[in-house]
Amino acid sequence: MSLELAWSNEQNKIEIDERLIDLLNKALQIAAEAEGITEGEVALTFVDDEAIHELNRDYRGIDRPTDVLSFAMNESQDDELEIVYELEEGEEVAGLTDVLGDIIISVDRAKLQSEDYGHSLEREIGFLFVHGFLHLIGYDHQDAESEAEMMGKQEAALASVGLTR
């Protein structure tokens, strides 16, 4: 098993090419290696503002579009699986326990933000993706200290693949 990126494109406004996916995969591998993560799957979906607005409203109770959403498979999953599948110690249900979570990126927001910040769309999508990944594995930015820690980790991974400002 290795760390894998599964992606889909559910919008038609901006082309998502293999070069971008390769960069995102490299950034994922670097960010994961820095955190000691070597196995699992991250699902990435590109959507438009309308779709992410709906998800943000339905799952977070915030009635507006956002740039990125992360849906982590949390630690309680193993306990729930043991109840449902009566797992023995060390046993796993194939295909369920190795999914780290889902990252949803609005390409509409990413495009606007890349223009506002004066950097490439690829850089903005990379930033949102690594940011989402760090949320999947438990990082948050509720205060200045945790935000600075996340920002440093994001910038290090992005710089390693040439996605700088």
C-alpha atoms as a PDB file:
ATOM      1  CA  MET A   1       0.000   0.000   0.000  1.00  0.00           C
ATOM      2  CA  SER A   2       1.125   3.564  -0.625  1.00  0.00           C
ATOM      3  CA  LEU A   3      -0.307   7.049  -0.352  1.00  0.00           C
ATOM      4  CA  GLU A   4      -2.575   7.587  -3.341  1.00  0.00           C
ATOM      5  CA  LEU A   5      -4.449  10.520  -4.818  1.00  0.00           C
ATOM      6  CA  ALA A   6      -7.817   9.775  -6.417  1.00  0.00           C
ATOM      7  CA  TRP A   7      -9.326  12.752  -8.186  1.00  0.00           C
ATOM      8  CA  SER A   8     -12.368  13.795 -10.167  1.00  0.00           C
ATOM      9  CA  ASN A   9     -13.434  16.938 -11.970  1.00  0.00           C
ATOM     10  CA  GLU A  10     -17.087  17.879 -11.561  1.00  0.00           C
ATOM     11  CA  GLN A  11     -16.886  21.343 -13.101  1.00  0.00           C
ATOM     12  CA  ASN A  12     -16.343  22.520 -16.661  1.00  0.00           C
ATOM     13  CA  LYS A  13     -15.043  26.089 -16.262  1.00  0.00           C
ATOM     14  CA  ILE A  14     -11.324  25.393 -15.861  1.00  0.00           C
ATOM     15  CA  GLU A  15      -9.378  22.551 -17.418  1.00  0.00           C
ATOM     16  CA  ILE A  16      -7.605  20.297 -14.940  1.00  0.00           C
ATOM     17  CA  ASP A  17      -4.606  18.781 -16.681  1.00  0.00           C
ATOM     18  CA  GLU A  18      -2.264  15.935 -15.773  1.00  0.00           C
ATOM     19  CA  ARG A  19       0.594  18.366 -15.089  1.00  0.00           C
ATOM     20  CA  LEU A  20      -1.419  19.939 -12.254  1.00  0.00           C
ATOM     21  CA  ILE A  21      -2.416  16.548 -10.884  1.00  0.00           C
ATOM     22  CA  ASP A  22       1.248  15.462 -10.931  1.00  0.00           C
ATOM     23  CA  LEU A  23       2.226  18.592  -8.965  1.00  0.00           C
ATOM     24  CA  LEU A  24      -0.554  17.999  -6.442  1.00  0.00           C
ATOM     25  CA  ASN A  25       0.464  14.371  -6.042  1.00  0.00           C
ATOM     26  CA  LYS A  26       4.087  15.387  -5.439  1.00  0.00           C
ATOM     27  CA  ALA A  27       3.000  18.002  -2.876  1.00  0.00           C
ATOM     28  CA  LEU A  28       0.841  15.358  -1.186  1.00  0.00           C
ATOM     29  CA  GLN A  29       3.740  12.911  -0.969  1.00  0.00           C
ATOM     30  CA  ILE A  30       6.037  15.584   0.504  1.00  0.00           C
ATOM     31  CA  ALA A  31       3.467  16.854   3.033  1.00  0.00           C
ATOM     32  CA  ALA A  32       2.587  13.287   4.042  1.00  0.00           C
ATOM     33  CA  GLU A  33       6.224  12.217   4.388  1.00  0.00           C
ATOM     34  CA  ALA A  34       6.848  15.207   6.672  1.00  0.00           C
ATOM     35  CA  GLU A  35       4.027  13.893   8.873  1.00  0.00           C
ATOM     36  CA  GLY A  36       5.140  10.251   8.753  1.00  0.00           C
ATOM     37  CA  ILE A  37       2.178   9.146   6.622  1.00  0.00           C
ATOM     38  CA  THR A  38       3.042   6.532   4.011  1.00  0.00           C
ATOM     39  CA  GLU A  39      -0.273   4.829   3.321  1.00  0.00           C
ATOM     40  CA  GLY A  40      -3.820   5.770   2.509  1.00  0.00           C
ATOM     41  CA  GLU A  41      -5.950   7.478  -0.080  1.00  0.00           C
ATOM     42  CA  VAL A  42      -6.950  11.094  -0.458  1.00  0.00           C
ATOM     43  CA  ALA A  43      -9.955  11.806  -2.681  1.00  0.00           C
ATOM     44  CA  LEU A  44      -9.869  15.199  -4.410  1.00  0.00           C
ATOM     45  CA  THR A  45     -12.844  16.669  -6.257  1.00  0.00           C
ATOM     46  CA  PHE A  46     -12.885  19.885  -8.263  1.00  0.00           C
ATOM     47  CA  VAL A  47     -16.244  21.681  -8.240  1.00  0.00           C
ATOM     48  CA  ASP A  48     -17.715  25.104  -8.985  1.00  0.00           C
ATOM     49  CA  ASP A  49     -19.015  27.683  -6.498  1.00  0.00           C
ATOM     50  CA  GLU A  50     -22.579  26.421  -6.736  1.00  0.00           C
ATOM     51  CA  ALA A  51     -21.626  22.883  -5.706  1.00  0.00           C
ATOM     52  CA  ILE A  52     -19.321  23.922  -2.862  1.00  0.00           C
ATOM     53  CA  HIS A  53     -21.944  26.408  -1.623  1.00  0.00           C
ATOM     54  CA  GLU A  54     -24.427  23.554  -1.330  1.00  0.00           C
ATOM     55  CA  LEU A  55     -21.923  21.337   0.513  1.00  0.00           C
ATOM     56  CA  ASN A  56     -20.899  24.162   2.832  1.00  0.00           C
ATOM     57  CA  ARG A  57     -24.540  24.847   3.668  1.00  0.00           C
ATOM     58  CA  ASP A  58     -25.524  21.214   4.115  1.00  0.00           C
ATOM     59  CA  TYR A  59     -22.509  20.004   6.101  1.00  0.00           C
ATOM     60  CA  ARG A  60     -21.277  23.096   7.929  1.00  0.00           C
ATOM     61  CA  GLY A  61     -24.423  25.239   8.160  1.00  0.00           C
ATOM     62  CA  ILE A  62     -22.665  28.118   6.365  1.00  0.00           C
ATOM     63  CA  ASP A  63     -24.797  29.444   3.521  1.00  0.00           C
ATOM     64  CA  ARG A  64     -22.120  30.675   1.116  1.00  0.00           C
ATOM     65  CA  PRO A  65     -19.422  29.266  -1.131  1.00  0.00           C
ATOM     66  CA  THR A  66     -15.957  28.594   0.259  1.00  0.00           C
ATOM     67  CA  ASP A  67     -12.637  27.699  -1.333  1.00  0.00           C
ATOM     68  CA  VAL A  68     -11.950  24.254   0.123  1.00  0.00           C
ATOM     69  CA  LEU A  69     -13.724  21.685   2.270  1.00  0.00           C
ATOM     70  CA  SER A  70     -12.135  18.677   3.953  1.00  0.00           C
ATOM     71  CA  PHE A  71     -14.043  15.658   5.178  1.00  0.00           C
ATOM     72  CA  ALA A  72     -11.741  13.492   7.284  1.00  0.00           C
ATOM     73  CA  MET A  73     -12.287   9.866   8.144  1.00  0.00           C
ATOM     74  CA  ASN A  74     -11.820  10.376  11.857  1.00  0.00           C
ATOM     75  CA  GLU A  75     -10.292   8.178  14.523  1.00  0.00           C
ATOM     76  CA  SER A  76     -13.671   6.869  15.649  1.00  0.00           C
ATOM     77  CA  GLN A  77     -14.067   5.039  12.332  1.00  0.00           C
ATOM     78  CA  ASP A  78     -12.124   2.000  13.561  1.00  0.00           C
ATOM     79  CA  ASP A  79     -14.376   1.671  16.601  1.00  0.00           C
ATOM     80  CA  GLU A  80     -17.476   1.964  14.428  1.00  0.00           C
ATOM     81  CA  LEU A  81     -16.131  -0.642  11.991  1.00  0.00           C
ATOM     82  CA  GLU A  82     -15.459  -3.057  14.847  1.00  0.00           C
ATOM     83  CA  ILE A  83     -19.084  -2.786  15.896  1.00  0.00           C
ATOM     84  CA  VAL A  84     -20.492  -3.159  12.380  1.00  0.00           C
ATOM     85  CA  TYR A  85     -18.108  -5.851  11.131  1.00  0.00           C
ATOM     86  CA  GLU A  86     -17.029  -7.444  14.440  1.00  0.00           C
ATOM     87  CA  LEU A  87     -13.357  -7.059  13.566  1.00  0.00           C
ATOM     88  CA  GLU A  88     -10.711  -9.048  15.359  1.00  0.00           C
ATOM     89  CA  GLU A  89      -7.679  -7.198  16.702  1.00  0.00           C
ATOM     90  CA  GLY A  90      -5.466  -6.043  13.806  1.00  0.00           C
ATOM     91  CA  GLU A  91      -8.068  -6.938  11.166  1.00  0.00           C
ATOM     92  CA  GLU A  92      -9.177  -4.295   8.653  1.00  0.00           C
ATOM     93  CA  VAL A  93     -12.052  -3.981   6.223  1.00  0.00           C
ATOM     94  CA  ALA A  94     -10.410  -3.588   2.814  1.00  0.00           C
ATOM     95  CA  GLY A  95     -10.994  -0.265   1.128  1.00  0.00           C
ATOM     96  CA  LEU A  96     -12.482   1.456   4.167  1.00  0.00           C
ATOM     97  CA  THR A  97      -9.769   1.885   6.744  1.00  0.00           C
ATOM     98  CA  ASP A  98      -7.126   3.334   4.444  1.00  0.00           C
ATOM     99  CA  VAL A  99      -9.136   6.321   3.176  1.00  0.00           C
ATOM    100  CA  LEU A 100      -7.859   9.512   4.832  1.00  0.00           C
ATOM    101  CA  GLY A 101     -10.749  11.601   3.550  1.00  0.00           C
ATOM    102  CA  ASP A 102     -12.118  13.895   0.872  1.00  0.00           C
ATOM    103  CA  ILE A 103     -10.969  17.326  -0.237  1.00  0.00           C
ATOM    104  CA  ILE A 104     -13.335  19.473  -2.307  1.00  0.00           C
ATOM    105  CA  ILE A 105     -11.919  22.540  -4.086  1.00  0.00           C
ATOM    106  CA  SER A 106     -13.946  25.256  -5.789  1.00  0.00           C
ATOM    107  CA  VAL A 107     -12.051  26.208  -8.930  1.00  0.00           C
ATOM    108  CA  ASP A 108     -14.147  29.394  -9.127  1.00  0.00           C
ATOM    109  CA  ARG A 109     -12.842  30.516  -5.698  1.00  0.00           C
ATOM    110  CA  ALA A 110      -9.314  29.340  -6.506  1.00  0.00           C
ATOM    111  CA  LYS A 111      -9.265  31.428  -9.689  1.00  0.00           C
ATOM    112  CA  LEU A 112     -10.512  34.565  -7.917  1.00  0.00           C
ATOM    113  CA  GLN A 113      -8.074  34.103  -5.044  1.00  0.00           C
ATOM    114  CA  SER A 114      -5.115  33.514  -7.356  1.00  0.00           C
ATOM    115  CA  GLU A 115      -5.917  36.818  -9.079  1.00  0.00           C
ATOM    116  CA  ASP A 116      -6.340  38.614  -5.719  1.00  0.00           C
ATOM    117  CA  TYR A 117      -3.020  37.261  -4.402  1.00  0.00           C
ATOM    118  CA  GLY A 118      -1.184  37.763  -7.697  1.00  0.00           C
ATOM    119  CA  HIS A 119       0.020  34.210  -8.177  1.00  0.00           C
ATOM    120  CA  SER A 120      -0.823  31.340 -10.500  1.00  0.00           C
ATOM    121  CA  LEU A 121      -3.999  29.305 -10.388  1.00  0.00           C
ATOM    122  CA  GLU A 122      -1.819  26.199  -9.960  1.00  0.00           C
ATOM    123  CA  ARG A 123      -0.216  27.744  -6.854  1.00  0.00           C
ATOM    124  CA  GLU A 124      -3.645  28.542  -5.357  1.00  0.00           C
ATOM    125  CA  ILE A 125      -5.046  25.081  -6.060  1.00  0.00           C
ATOM    126  CA  GLY A 126      -1.869  23.565  -4.597  1.00  0.00           C
ATOM    127  CA  PHE A 127      -2.207  25.709  -1.486  1.00  0.00           C
ATOM    128  CA  LEU A 128      -5.861  24.746  -1.017  1.00  0.00           C
ATOM    129  CA  PHE A 129      -5.064  21.067  -1.575  1.00  0.00           C
ATOM    130  CA  VAL A 130      -2.207  20.886   0.953  1.00  0.00           C
ATOM    131  CA  HIS A 131      -4.304  22.954   3.383  1.00  0.00           C
ATOM    132  CA  GLY A 132      -7.135  20.460   2.976  1.00  0.00           C
ATOM    133  CA  PHE A 133      -4.773  17.526   3.449  1.00  0.00           C
ATOM    134  CA  LEU A 134      -3.456  18.949   6.712  1.00  0.00           C
ATOM    135  CA  HIS A 135      -7.041  19.267   7.933  1.00  0.00           C
ATOM    136  CA  LEU A 136      -7.634  15.614   7.020  1.00  0.00           C
ATOM    137  CA  ILE A 137      -4.828  14.517   9.305  1.00  0.00           C
ATOM    138  CA  GLY A 138      -5.904  16.666  12.236  1.00  0.00           C
ATOM    139  CA  TYR A 139      -4.363  20.113  11.844  1.00  0.00           C
ATOM    140  CA  ASP A 140      -6.447  23.204  12.442  1.00  0.00           C
ATOM    141  CA  HIS A 141      -5.942  26.951  12.598  1.00  0.00           C
ATOM    142  CA  GLN A 142      -8.101  28.098  15.510  1.00  0.00           C
ATOM    143  CA  ASP A 143      -5.418  30.422  16.895  1.00  0.00           C
ATOM    144  CA  ALA A 144      -2.363  32.307  15.642  1.00  0.00           C
ATOM    145  CA  GLU A 145       0.079  29.605  16.774  1.00  0.00           C
ATOM    146  CA  SER A 146      -1.700  26.716  15.035  1.00  0.00           C
ATOM    147  CA  GLU A 147      -2.280  28.849  11.937  1.00  0.00           C
ATOM    148  CA  ALA A 148       1.435  29.671  11.738  1.00  0.00           C
ATOM    149  CA  GLU A 149       2.301  25.986  12.116  1.00  0.00           C
ATOM    150  CA  MET A 150      -0.088  24.994   9.310  1.00  0.00           C
ATOM    151  CA  MET A 151       1.140  27.806   7.071  1.00  0.00           C
ATOM    152  CA  GLY A 152       4.756  26.723   7.525  1.00  0.00           C
ATOM    153  CA  LYS A 153       3.944  23.119   6.629  1.00  0.00           C
ATOM    154  CA  GLN A 154       1.928  24.199   3.581  1.00  0.00           C
ATOM    155  CA  GLU A 155       4.633  26.538   2.299  1.00  0.00           C
ATOM    156  CA  ALA A 156       7.357  23.911   2.750  1.00  0.00           C
ATOM    157  CA  ALA A 157       5.442  21.316   0.703  1.00  0.00           C
ATOM    158  CA  LEU A 158       4.534  23.824  -2.014  1.00  0.00           C
ATOM    159  CA  ALA A 159       8.070  25.205  -2.278  1.00  0.00           C
ATOM    160  CA  SER A 160       9.378  21.650  -2.745  1.00  0.00           C
ATOM    161  CA  VAL A 161       7.339  21.312  -5.947  1.00  0.00           C
ATOM    162  CA  GLY A 162       7.945  24.853  -7.207  1.00  0.00           C
ATOM    163  CA  LEU A 163       4.526  26.295  -6.350  1.00  0.00           C
ATOM    164  CA  THR A 164       5.752  29.511  -4.771  1.00  0.00           C
ATOM    165  CA  ARG A 165       4.241  32.976  -4.783  1.00  0.00           C
END
